[in-house]
All heavy atoms as atom14 arrays in JSON, in Angstrom:
{
  "sequence": "SVPARSAWADVGCGTGALTQCILARCDPLSIAGIDKAEGFIATARRSV",
  "atom14_mask": [
    [1, 1, 1, 1, 1, 1, 0, 0, 0, 0, 0, 0, 0, 0],
    [1, 1, 1, 1, 1, 1, 1, 0, 0, 0, 0, 0, 0, 0],
    [1, 1, 1, 1, 1, 1, 1, 0, 0, 0, 0, 0, 0, 0],
    [1, 1, 1, 1, 1, 0, 0, 0, 0, 0, 0, 0, 0, 0],
    [1, 1, 1, 1, 1, 1, 1, 1, 1, 1, 1, 0, 0, 0],
    [1, 1, 1, 1, 1, 1, 0, 0, 0, 0, 0, 0, 0, 0],
    [1, 1, 1, 1, 1, 0, 0, 0, 0, 0, 0, 0, 0, 0],
    [1, 1, 1, 1, 1, 1, 1, 1, 1, 1, 1, 1, 1, 1],
    [1, 1, 1, 1, 1, 0, 0, 0, 0, 0, 0, 0, 0, 0],
    [1, 1, 1, 1, 1, 1, 1, 1, 0, 0, 0, 0, 0, 0],
    [1, 1, 1, 1, 1, 1, 1, 0, 0, 0, 0, 0, 0, 0],
    [1, 1, 1, 1, 0, 0, 0, 0, 0, 0, 0, 0, 0, 0],
    [1, 1, 1, 1, 1, 1, 0, 0, 0, 0, 0, 0, 0, 0],
    [1, 1, 1, 1, 0, 0, 0, 0, 0, 0, 0, 0, 0, 0],
    [1, 1, 1, 1, 1, 1, 1, 0, 0, 0, 0, 0, 0, 0],
    [1, 1, 1, 1, 0, 0, 0, 0, 0, 0, 0, 0, 0, 0],
    [1, 1, 1, 1, 1, 0, 0, 0, 0, 0, 0, 0, 0, 0],
    [1, 1, 1, 1, 1, 1, 1, 1, 0, 0, 0, 0, 0, 0],
    [1, 1, 1, 1, 1, 1, 1, 0, 0, 0, 0, 0, 0, 0],
    [1, 1, 1, 1, 1, 1, 1, 1, 1, 0, 0, 0, 0, 0],
    [1, 1, 1, 1, 1, 1, 0, 0, 0, 0, 0, 0, 0, 0],
    [1, 1, 1, 1, 1, 1, 1, 1, 0, 0, 0, 0, 0, 0],
    [1, 1, 1, 1, 1, 1, 1, 1, 0, 0, 0, 0, 0, 0],
    [1, 1, 1, 1, 1, 0, 0, 0, 0, 0, 0, 0, 0, 0],
    [1, 1, 1, 1, 1, 1, 1, 1, 1, 1, 1, 0, 0, 0],
    [1, 1, 1, 1, 1, 1, 0, 0, 0, 0, 0, 0, 0, 0],
    [1, 1, 1, 1, 1, 1, 1, 1, 0, 0, 0, 0, 0, 0],
    [1, 1, 1, 1, 1, 1, 1, 0, 0, 0, 0, 0, 0, 0],
    [1, 1, 1, 1, 1, 1, 1, 1, 0, 0, 0, 0, 0, 0],
    [1, 1, 1, 1, 1, 1, 0, 0, 0, 0, 0, 0, 0, 0],
    [1, 1, 1, 1, 1, 1, 1, 1, 0, 0, 0, 0, 0, 0],
    [1, 1, 1, 1, 1, 0, 0, 0, 0, 0, 0, 0, 0, 0],
    [1, 1, 1, 1, 0, 0, 0, 0, 0, 0, 0, 0, 0, 0],
    [1, 1, 1, 1, 1, 1, 1, 1, 0, 0, 0, 0, 0, 0],
    [1, 1, 1, 1, 1, 1, 1, 1, 0, 0, 0, 0, 0, 0],
    [1, 1, 1, 1, 1, 1, 1, 1, 1, 0, 0, 0, 0, 0],
    [1, 1, 1, 1, 1, 0, 0, 0, 0, 0, 0, 0, 0, 0],
    [1, 1, 1, 1, 1, 1, 1, 1, 1, 0, 0, 0, 0, 0],
    [1, 1, 1, 1, 0, 0, 0, 0, 0, 0, 0, 0, 0, 0],
    [1, 1, 1, 1, 1, 1, 1, 1, 1, 1, 1, 0, 0, 0],
    [1, 1, 1, 1, 1, 1, 1, 1, 0, 0, 0, 0, 0, 0],
    [1, 1, 1, 1, 1, 0, 0, 0, 0, 0, 0, 0, 0, 0],
    [1, 1, 1, 1, 1, 1, 1, 0, 0, 0, 0, 0, 0, 0],
    [1, 1, 1, 1, 1, 0, 0, 0, 0, 0, 0, 0, 0, 0],
    [1, 1, 1, 1, 1, 1, 1, 1, 1, 1, 1, 0, 0, 0],
    [1, 1, 1, 1, 1, 1, 1, 1, 1, 1, 1, 0, 0, 0],
    [1, 1, 1, 1, 1, 1, 0, 0, 0, 0, 0, 0, 0, 0],
    [1, 1, 1, 1, 1, 1, 1, 0, 0, 0, 0, 0, 0, 0]
  ],
  "atom14_positions": [
    [[45.54, 70.28, 78.16], [44.87, 69.52, 77.11], [43.79, 70.31, 76.35], [42.63, 69.93, 76.31], [44.26, 68.26, 77.72], [43.81, 67.4, 76.72], [0.0, 0.0, 0.0], [0.0, 0.0, 0.0], [0.0, 0.0, 0.0], [0.0, 0.0, 0.0], [0.0, 0.0, 0.0], [0.0, 0.0, 0.0], [0.0, 0.0, 0.0], [0.0, 0.0, 0.0]],
    [[44.2, 71.4, 75.72], [43.29, 72.22, 74.91], [43.12, 71.53, 73.55], [44.11, 71.11, 72.95], [43.84, 73.65, 74.74], [42.98, 74.46, 73.79], [43.95, 74.33, 76.1], [0.0, 0.0, 0.0], [0.0, 0.0, 0.0], [0.0, 0.0, 0.0], [0.0, 0.0, 0.0], [0.0, 0.0, 0.0], [0.0, 0.0, 0.0], [0.0, 0.0, 0.0]],
    [[41.89, 71.41, 73.06], [41.67, 70.74, 71.77], [42.39, 71.44, 70.61], [42.59, 72.66, 70.63], [40.15, 70.83, 71.57], [39.59, 71.07, 72.93], [40.64, 71.83, 73.68], [0.0, 0.0, 0.0], [0.0, 0.0, 0.0], [0.0, 0.0, 0.0], [0.0, 0.0, 0.0], [0.0, 0.0, 0.0], [0.0, 0.0, 0.0], [0.0, 0.0, 0.0]],
    [[42.75, 70.67, 69.6], [43.35, 71.23, 68.39], [42.38, 72.22, 67.75], [41.17, 72.15, 67.97], [43.69, 70.11, 67.42], [0.0, 0.0, 0.0], [0.0, 0.0, 0.0], [0.0, 0.0, 0.0], [0.0, 0.0, 0.0], [0.0, 0.0, 0.0], [0.0, 0.0, 0.0], [0.0, 0.0, 0.0], [0.0, 0.0, 0.0], [0.0, 0.0, 0.0]],
    [[42.94, 73.12, 66.93], [42.19, 74.13, 66.18], [41.46, 75.11, 67.1], [40.43, 75.66, 66.76], [41.21, 73.49, 65.2], [41.84, 72.45, 64.28], [43.01, 72.96, 63.45], [42.56, 73.97, 62.51], [43.35, 74.91, 61.99], [44.61, 74.97, 62.33], [42.88, 75.8, 61.16], [0.0, 0.0, 0.0], [0.0, 0.0, 0.0], [0.0, 0.0, 0.0]],
    [[42.02, 75.35, 68.28], [41.48, 76.33, 69.21], [42.16, 77.68, 69.0], [43.3, 77.75, 68.54], [41.71, 75.88, 70.66], [40.96, 74.72, 70.95], [0.0, 0.0, 0.0], [0.0, 0.0, 0.0], [0.0, 0.0, 0.0], [0.0, 0.0, 0.0], [0.0, 0.0, 0.0], [0.0, 0.0, 0.0], [0.0, 0.0, 0.0], [0.0, 0.0, 0.0]],
    [[41.47, 78.73, 69.37], [42.03, 80.09, 69.34], [42.6, 80.39, 70.72], [41.92, 80.23, 71.72], [40.94, 81.1, 68.98], [0.0, 0.0, 0.0], [0.0, 0.0, 0.0], [0.0, 0.0, 0.0], [0.0, 0.0, 0.0], [0.0, 0.0, 0.0], [0.0, 0.0, 0.0], [0.0, 0.0, 0.0], [0.0, 0.0, 0.0], [0.0, 0.0, 0.0]],
    [[43.86, 80.8, 70.75], [44.59, 81.02, 72.0], [44.91, 82.5, 72.2], [45.19, 83.22, 71.23], [45.92, 80.3, 71.98], [45.88, 78.81, 72.02], [45.47, 77.96, 71.04], [46.31, 77.99, 73.1], [45.63, 76.66, 71.44], [46.14, 76.65, 72.7], [46.84, 78.25, 74.37], [46.47, 75.57, 73.52], [47.17, 77.19, 75.17], [46.98, 75.87, 74.76]],
    [[44.97, 82.92, 73.46], [45.54, 84.2, 73.86], [46.72, 83.88, 74.76], [46.59, 83.1, 75.71], [44.53, 85.05, 74.62], [0.0, 0.0, 0.0], [0.0, 0.0, 0.0], [0.0, 0.0, 0.0], [0.0, 0.0, 0.0], [0.0, 0.0, 0.0], [0.0, 0.0, 0.0], [0.0, 0.0, 0.0], [0.0, 0.0, 0.0], [0.0, 0.0, 0.0]],
    [[47.87, 84.45, 74.46], [49.06, 84.29, 75.3], [49.32, 85.64, 75.96], [49.97, 86.51, 75.4], [50.25, 83.84, 74.45], [51.48, 83.48, 75.27], [51.45, 83.68, 76.5], [52.47, 83.01, 74.68], [0.0, 0.0, 0.0], [0.0, 0.0, 0.0], [0.0, 0.0, 0.0], [0.0, 0.0, 0.0], [0.0, 0.0, 0.0], [0.0, 0.0, 0.0]],
    [[48.77, 85.8, 77.15], [48.85, 87.06, 77.9], [50.15, 87.06, 78.7], [50.38, 86.15, 79.49], [47.62, 87.25, 78.82], [47.72, 88.54, 79.59], [46.34, 87.19, 77.99], [0.0, 0.0, 0.0], [0.0, 0.0, 0.0], [0.0, 0.0, 0.0], [0.0, 0.0, 0.0], [0.0, 0.0, 0.0], [0.0, 0.0, 0.0], [0.0, 0.0, 0.0]],
    [[50.97, 88.07, 78.47], [52.3, 88.09, 79.06], [53.21, 87.16, 78.28], [53.99, 86.4, 78.85], [0.0, 0.0, 0.0], [0.0, 0.0, 0.0], [0.0, 0.0, 0.0], [0.0, 0.0, 0.0], [0.0, 0.0, 0.0], [0.0, 0.0, 0.0], [0.0, 0.0, 0.0], [0.0, 0.0, 0.0], [0.0, 0.0, 0.0], [0.0, 0.0, 0.0]],
    [[53.11, 87.22, 76.96], [53.78, 86.26, 76.08], [55.3, 86.36, 76.11], [55.98, 85.43, 75.64], [53.29, 86.41, 74.65], [53.7, 87.98, 73.88], [0.0, 0.0, 0.0], [0.0, 0.0, 0.0], [0.0, 0.0, 0.0], [0.0, 0.0, 0.0], [0.0, 0.0, 0.0], [0.0, 0.0, 0.0], [0.0, 0.0, 0.0], [0.0, 0.0, 0.0]],
    [[55.84, 87.43, 76.64], [57.29, 87.56, 76.72], [57.94, 87.43, 75.36], [57.51, 88.03, 74.38], [0.0, 0.0, 0.0], [0.0, 0.0, 0.0], [0.0, 0.0, 0.0], [0.0, 0.0, 0.0], [0.0, 0.0, 0.0], [0.0, 0.0, 0.0], [0.0, 0.0, 0.0], [0.0, 0.0, 0.0], [0.0, 0.0, 0.0], [0.0, 0.0, 0.0]],
    [[58.95, 86.61, 75.29], [59.72, 86.43, 74.05], [59.13, 85.36, 73.13], [59.71, 85.05, 72.11], [61.17, 86.07, 74.4], [61.18, 84.88, 75.18], [61.87, 87.19, 75.15], [0.0, 0.0, 0.0], [0.0, 0.0, 0.0], [0.0, 0.0, 0.0], [0.0, 0.0, 0.0], [0.0, 0.0, 0.0], [0.0, 0.0, 0.0], [0.0, 0.0, 0.0]],
    [[58.0, 84.79, 73.5], [57.31, 83.82, 72.64], [57.62, 82.36, 72.93], [57.28, 81.5, 72.13], [0.0, 0.0, 0.0], [0.0, 0.0, 0.0], [0.0, 0.0, 0.0], [0.0, 0.0, 0.0], [0.0, 0.0, 0.0], [0.0, 0.0, 0.0], [0.0, 0.0, 0.0], [0.0, 0.0, 0.0], [0.0, 0.0, 0.0], [0.0, 0.0, 0.0]],
    [[58.2, 82.06, 74.07], [58.56, 80.67, 74.39], [57.33, 79.76, 74.44], [57.32, 78.7, 73.8], [59.32, 80.61, 75.72], [0.0, 0.0, 0.0], [0.0, 0.0, 0.0], [0.0, 0.0, 0.0], [0.0, 0.0, 0.0], [0.0, 0.0, 0.0], [0.0, 0.0, 0.0], [0.0, 0.0, 0.0], [0.0, 0.0, 0.0], [0.0, 0.0, 0.0]],
    [[56.31, 80.15, 75.18], [55.1, 79.34, 75.25], [54.41, 79.28, 73.89], [53.93, 78.23, 73.47], [54.14, 79.87, 76.32], [52.8, 79.14, 76.44], [52.99, 77.67, 76.78], [51.91, 79.83, 77.48], [0.0, 0.0, 0.0], [0.0, 0.0, 0.0], [0.0, 0.0, 0.0], [0.0, 0.0, 0.0], [0.0, 0.0, 0.0], [0.0, 0.0, 0.0]],
    [[54.38, 80.4, 73.21], [53.77, 80.46, 71.89], [54.39, 79.43, 70.94], [53.69, 78.73, 70.22], [53.94, 81.87, 71.3], [53.31, 82.81, 72.17], [53.34, 81.99, 69.92], [0.0, 0.0, 0.0], [0.0, 0.0, 0.0], [0.0, 0.0, 0.0], [0.0, 0.0, 0.0], [0.0, 0.0, 0.0], [0.0, 0.0, 0.0], [0.0, 0.0, 0.0]],
    [[55.71, 79.34, 70.94], [56.4, 78.37, 70.09], [55.99, 76.95, 70.43], [55.79, 76.12, 69.54], [57.9, 78.54, 70.2], [58.4, 79.82, 69.55], [59.87, 80.07, 69.8], [60.43, 79.64, 70.81], [60.5, 80.78, 68.89], [0.0, 0.0, 0.0], [0.0, 0.0, 0.0], [0.0, 0.0, 0.0], [0.0, 0.0, 0.0], [0.0, 0.0, 0.0]],
    [[55.82, 76.67, 71.7], [55.4, 75.32, 72.12], [53.95, 75.05, 71.73], [53.63, 73.93, 71.31], [55.6, 75.15, 73.62], [57.32, 75.1, 74.1], [0.0, 0.0, 0.0], [0.0, 0.0, 0.0], [0.0, 0.0, 0.0], [0.0, 0.0, 0.0], [0.0, 0.0, 0.0], [0.0, 0.0, 0.0], [0.0, 0.0, 0.0], [0.0, 0.0, 0.0]],
    [[53.09, 76.03, 71.85], [51.69, 75.87, 71.42], [51.65, 75.55, 69.93], [50.96, 74.63, 69.5], [50.85, 77.11, 71.75], [50.74, 77.33, 73.25], [49.47, 77.01, 71.11], [50.18, 78.68, 73.66], [0.0, 0.0, 0.0], [0.0, 0.0, 0.0], [0.0, 0.0, 0.0], [0.0, 0.0, 0.0], [0.0, 0.0, 0.0], [0.0, 0.0, 0.0]],
    [[52.4, 76.3, 69.15], [52.44, 76.07, 67.7], [52.94, 74.67, 67.37], [52.42, 74.0, 66.48], [53.32, 77.12, 67.02], [52.72, 78.52, 66.95], [53.8, 79.54, 66.57], [51.56, 78.58, 65.96], [0.0, 0.0, 0.0], [0.0, 0.0, 0.0], [0.0, 0.0, 0.0], [0.0, 0.0, 0.0], [0.0, 0.0, 0.0], [0.0, 0.0, 0.0]],
    [[53.95, 74.21, 68.08], [54.57, 72.92, 67.8], [53.74, 71.73, 68.28], [53.78, 70.66, 67.66], [55.96, 72.86, 68.44], [0.0, 0.0, 0.0], [0.0, 0.0, 0.0], [0.0, 0.0, 0.0], [0.0, 0.0, 0.0], [0.0, 0.0, 0.0], [0.0, 0.0, 0.0], [0.0, 0.0, 0.0], [0.0, 0.0, 0.0], [0.0, 0.0, 0.0]],
    [[52.97, 71.9, 69.35], [52.31, 70.75, 69.99], [50.79, 70.72, 69.9], [50.2, 69.66, 70.07], [52.69, 70.7, 71.46], [54.15, 70.48, 71.73], [54.45, 70.43, 73.21], [53.86, 69.3, 73.88], [54.38, 68.07, 73.92], [55.51, 67.83, 73.31], [53.77, 67.1, 74.57], [0.0, 0.0, 0.0], [0.0, 0.0, 0.0], [0.0, 0.0, 0.0]],
    [[50.16, 71.86, 69.66], [48.71, 71.93, 69.87], [47.87, 72.19, 68.62], [46.65, 72.25, 68.73], [48.4, 73.01, 70.91], [49.18, 72.69, 72.5], [0.0, 0.0, 0.0], [0.0, 0.0, 0.0], [0.0, 0.0, 0.0], [0.0, 0.0, 0.0], [0.0, 0.0, 0.0], [0.0, 0.0, 0.0], [0.0, 0.0, 0.0], [0.0, 0.0, 0.0]],
    [[48.48, 72.39, 67.48], [47.76, 72.68, 66.24], [46.69, 73.75, 66.45], [45.51, 73.53, 66.22], [47.13, 71.4, 65.68], [46.55, 71.6, 64.29], [47.02, 72.49, 63.56], [45.58, 70.88, 63.95], [0.0, 0.0, 0.0], [0.0, 0.0, 0.0], [0.0, 0.0, 0.0], [0.0, 0.0, 0.0], [0.0, 0.0, 0.0], [0.0, 0.0, 0.0]],
    [[47.11, 74.96, 66.89], [46.13, 76.01, 67.16], [45.55, 76.61, 65.88], [46.21, 76.6, 64.83], [46.95, 77.06, 67.9], [48.31, 76.92, 67.32], [48.48, 75.43, 67.1], [0.0, 0.0, 0.0], [0.0, 0.0, 0.0], [0.0, 0.0, 0.0], [0.0, 0.0, 0.0], [0.0, 0.0, 0.0], [0.0, 0.0, 0.0], [0.0, 0.0, 0.0]],
    [[44.36, 77.13, 65.97], [43.77, 77.9, 64.87], [44.48, 79.25, 64.78], [44.83, 79.71, 63.69], [42.28, 78.11, 65.14], [41.52, 78.93, 64.11], [41.5, 78.2, 62.77], [40.1, 79.17, 64.6], [0.0, 0.0, 0.0], [0.0, 0.0, 0.0], [0.0, 0.0, 0.0], [0.0, 0.0, 0.0], [0.0, 0.0, 0.0], [0.0, 0.0, 0.0]],
    [[44.7, 79.86, 65.94], [45.38, 81.16, 66.0], [45.9, 81.38, 67.41], [45.42, 80.74, 68.36], [44.41, 82.29, 65.62], [43.34, 82.32, 66.56], [0.0, 0.0, 0.0], [0.0, 0.0, 0.0], [0.0, 0.0, 0.0], [0.0, 0.0, 0.0], [0.0, 0.0, 0.0], [0.0, 0.0, 0.0], [0.0, 0.0, 0.0], [0.0, 0.0, 0.0]],
    [[46.88, 82.29, 67.52], [47.39, 82.71, 68.83], [47.62, 84.21, 68.76], [48.27, 84.71, 67.85], [48.72, 82.03, 69.2], [48.66, 80.52, 69.05], [49.12, 82.41, 70.64], [50.02, 79.84, 69.22], [0.0, 0.0, 0.0], [0.0, 0.0, 0.0], [0.0, 0.0, 0.0], [0.0, 0.0, 0.0], [0.0, 0.0, 0.0], [0.0, 0.0, 0.0]],
    [[47.07, 84.92, 69.73], [47.33, 86.35, 69.88], [48.18, 86.53, 71.13], [47.74, 86.22, 72.23], [46.02, 87.12, 70.01], [0.0, 0.0, 0.0], [0.0, 0.0, 0.0], [0.0, 0.0, 0.0], [0.0, 0.0, 0.0], [0.0, 0.0, 0.0], [0.0, 0.0, 0.0], [0.0, 0.0, 0.0], [0.0, 0.0, 0.0], [0.0, 0.0, 0.0]],
    [[49.41, 87.0, 70.94], [50.31, 87.23, 72.06], [50.35, 88.7, 72.41], [50.36, 89.56, 71.52], [0.0, 0.0, 0.0], [0.0, 0.0, 0.0], [0.0, 0.0, 0.0], [0.0, 0.0, 0.0], [0.0, 0.0, 0.0], [0.0, 0.0, 0.0], [0.0, 0.0, 0.0], [0.0, 0.0, 0.0], [0.0, 0.0, 0.0], [0.0, 0.0, 0.0]],
    [[50.38, 88.99, 73.71], [50.46, 90.37, 74.16], [51.4, 90.46, 75.36], [51.4, 89.58, 76.22], [49.05, 90.94, 74.5], [49.09, 92.44, 74.69], [48.44, 90.23, 75.68], [47.71, 93.09, 74.69], [0.0, 0.0, 0.0], [0.0, 0.0, 0.0], [0.0, 0.0, 0.0], [0.0, 0.0, 0.0], [0.0, 0.0, 0.0], [0.0, 0.0, 0.0]],
    [[52.22, 91.49, 75.37], [53.13, 91.74, 76.49], [53.38, 93.23, 76.58], [53.37, 93.93, 75.56], [54.46, 90.99, 76.29], [55.22, 90.83, 77.59], [55.76, 91.82, 78.12], [55.25, 89.69, 78.1], [0.0, 0.0, 0.0], [0.0, 0.0, 0.0], [0.0, 0.0, 0.0], [0.0, 0.0, 0.0], [0.0, 0.0, 0.0], [0.0, 0.0, 0.0]],
    [[53.61, 93.71, 77.77], [53.83, 95.13, 77.98], [55.25, 95.56, 77.59], [55.5, 96.72, 77.31], [53.57, 95.47, 79.45], [53.31, 96.92, 79.71], [52.79, 97.12, 81.11], [52.41, 98.57, 81.32], [51.91, 98.79, 82.67], [0.0, 0.0, 0.0], [0.0, 0.0, 0.0], [0.0, 0.0, 0.0], [0.0, 0.0, 0.0], [0.0, 0.0, 0.0]],
    [[56.17, 94.62, 77.54], [57.58, 94.93, 77.27], [57.85, 94.9, 75.76], [57.86, 93.84, 75.15], [58.49, 93.94, 77.99], [0.0, 0.0, 0.0], [0.0, 0.0, 0.0], [0.0, 0.0, 0.0], [0.0, 0.0, 0.0], [0.0, 0.0, 0.0], [0.0, 0.0, 0.0], [0.0, 0.0, 0.0], [0.0, 0.0, 0.0], [0.0, 0.0, 0.0]],
    [[58.08, 96.06, 75.18], [58.34, 96.16, 73.74], [59.56, 95.34, 73.33], [59.58, 94.74, 72.25], [58.53, 97.62, 73.33], [58.72, 97.81, 71.84], [57.57, 97.29, 70.98], [56.41, 97.58, 71.28], [57.86, 96.58, 69.99], [0.0, 0.0, 0.0], [0.0, 0.0, 0.0], [0.0, 0.0, 0.0], [0.0, 0.0, 0.0], [0.0, 0.0, 0.0]],
    [[60.59, 95.28, 74.18], [61.77, 94.48, 73.86], [61.45, 93.01, 73.72], [62.01, 92.31, 72.87], [0.0, 0.0, 0.0], [0.0, 0.0, 0.0], [0.0, 0.0, 0.0], [0.0, 0.0, 0.0], [0.0, 0.0, 0.0], [0.0, 0.0, 0.0], [0.0, 0.0, 0.0], [0.0, 0.0, 0.0], [0.0, 0.0, 0.0], [0.0, 0.0, 0.0]],
    [[60.54, 92.5, 74.56], [60.13, 91.1, 74.46], [59.33, 90.86, 73.18], [59.53, 89.87, 72.49], [59.31, 90.69, 75.67], [60.09, 90.57, 76.94], [59.44, 90.25, 78.12], [61.46, 90.77, 77.0], [60.14, 90.12, 79.31], [62.17, 90.65, 78.17], [61.5, 90.32, 79.34], [0.0, 0.0, 0.0], [0.0, 0.0, 0.0], [0.0, 0.0, 0.0]],
    [[58.42, 91.77, 72.87], [57.61, 91.64, 71.66], [58.49, 91.65, 70.42], [58.28, 90.86, 69.49], [56.53, 92.74, 71.6], [55.49, 92.55, 72.71], [55.86, 92.8, 70.24], [54.68, 91.27, 72.6], [0.0, 0.0, 0.0], [0.0, 0.0, 0.0], [0.0, 0.0, 0.0], [0.0, 0.0, 0.0], [0.0, 0.0, 0.0], [0.0, 0.0, 0.0]],
    [[59.48, 92.53, 70.4], [60.39, 92.58, 69.25], [61.12, 91.24, 69.07], [61.24, 90.74, 67.95], [61.4, 93.72, 69.42], [0.0, 0.0, 0.0], [0.0, 0.0, 0.0], [0.0, 0.0, 0.0], [0.0, 0.0, 0.0], [0.0, 0.0, 0.0], [0.0, 0.0, 0.0], [0.0, 0.0, 0.0], [0.0, 0.0, 0.0], [0.0, 0.0, 0.0]],
    [[61.58, 90.65, 70.17], [62.24, 89.35, 70.1], [61.27, 88.27, 69.64], [61.6, 87.43, 68.79], [62.84, 88.97, 71.46], [63.82, 89.96, 71.82], [63.49, 87.6, 71.43], [0.0, 0.0, 0.0], [0.0, 0.0, 0.0], [0.0, 0.0, 0.0], [0.0, 0.0, 0.0], [0.0, 0.0, 0.0], [0.0, 0.0, 0.0], [0.0, 0.0, 0.0]],
    [[60.05, 88.28, 70.16], [59.04, 87.28, 69.77], [58.73, 87.38, 68.28], [58.65, 86.36, 67.59], [57.77, 87.47, 70.6], [0.0, 0.0, 0.0], [0.0, 0.0, 0.0], [0.0, 0.0, 0.0], [0.0, 0.0, 0.0], [0.0, 0.0, 0.0], [0.0, 0.0, 0.0], [0.0, 0.0, 0.0], [0.0, 0.0, 0.0], [0.0, 0.0, 0.0]],
    [[58.59, 88.6, 67.78], [58.29, 88.77, 66.35], [59.41, 88.25, 65.48], [59.16, 87.72, 64.39], [58.02, 90.24, 66.05], [56.68, 90.72, 66.55], [56.48, 92.19, 66.26], [55.15, 92.62, 66.67], [54.86, 93.84, 67.09], [55.81, 94.77, 67.13], [53.64, 94.15, 67.45], [0.0, 0.0, 0.0], [0.0, 0.0, 0.0], [0.0, 0.0, 0.0]],
    [[60.64, 88.4, 65.92], [61.78, 87.9, 65.14], [61.89, 86.38, 65.19], [62.34, 85.74, 64.24], [63.09, 88.49, 65.67], [63.39, 89.89, 65.22], [64.82, 90.3, 65.51], [65.29, 89.97, 66.84], [65.18, 90.75, 67.91], [64.58, 91.92, 67.82], [65.65, 90.37, 69.08], [0.0, 0.0, 0.0], [0.0, 0.0, 0.0], [0.0, 0.0, 0.0]],
    [[61.48, 85.78, 66.3], [61.73, 84.35, 66.48], [60.54, 83.46, 66.15], [60.71, 82.25, 66.02], [62.19, 84.07, 67.91], [61.19, 84.45, 68.84], [0.0, 0.0, 0.0], [0.0, 0.0, 0.0], [0.0, 0.0, 0.0], [0.0, 0.0, 0.0], [0.0, 0.0, 0.0], [0.0, 0.0, 0.0], [0.0, 0.0, 0.0], [0.0, 0.0, 0.0]],
    [[59.35, 84.01, 66.01], [58.17, 83.2, 65.71], [57.56, 83.69, 64.4], [56.95, 84.75, 64.36], [57.11, 83.28, 66.84], [55.93, 82.39, 66.51], [57.72, 82.91, 68.18], [0.0, 0.0, 0.0], [0.0, 0.0, 0.0], [0.0, 0.0, 0.0], [0.0, 0.0, 0.0], [0.0, 0.0, 0.0], [0.0, 0.0, 0.0], [0.0, 0.0, 0.0]]
  ]
}
């Protein structure tokens, strides 16, 4: 239950699954996603 218009960090964001849900449900101000796997980041950038 994070308040709307909050700034989020998605550490270990993978392919962006949680990020997509945050965007759809939480009305975030911003989200910074980070993951060590370049392949996951590439997929996240394409899908979000």
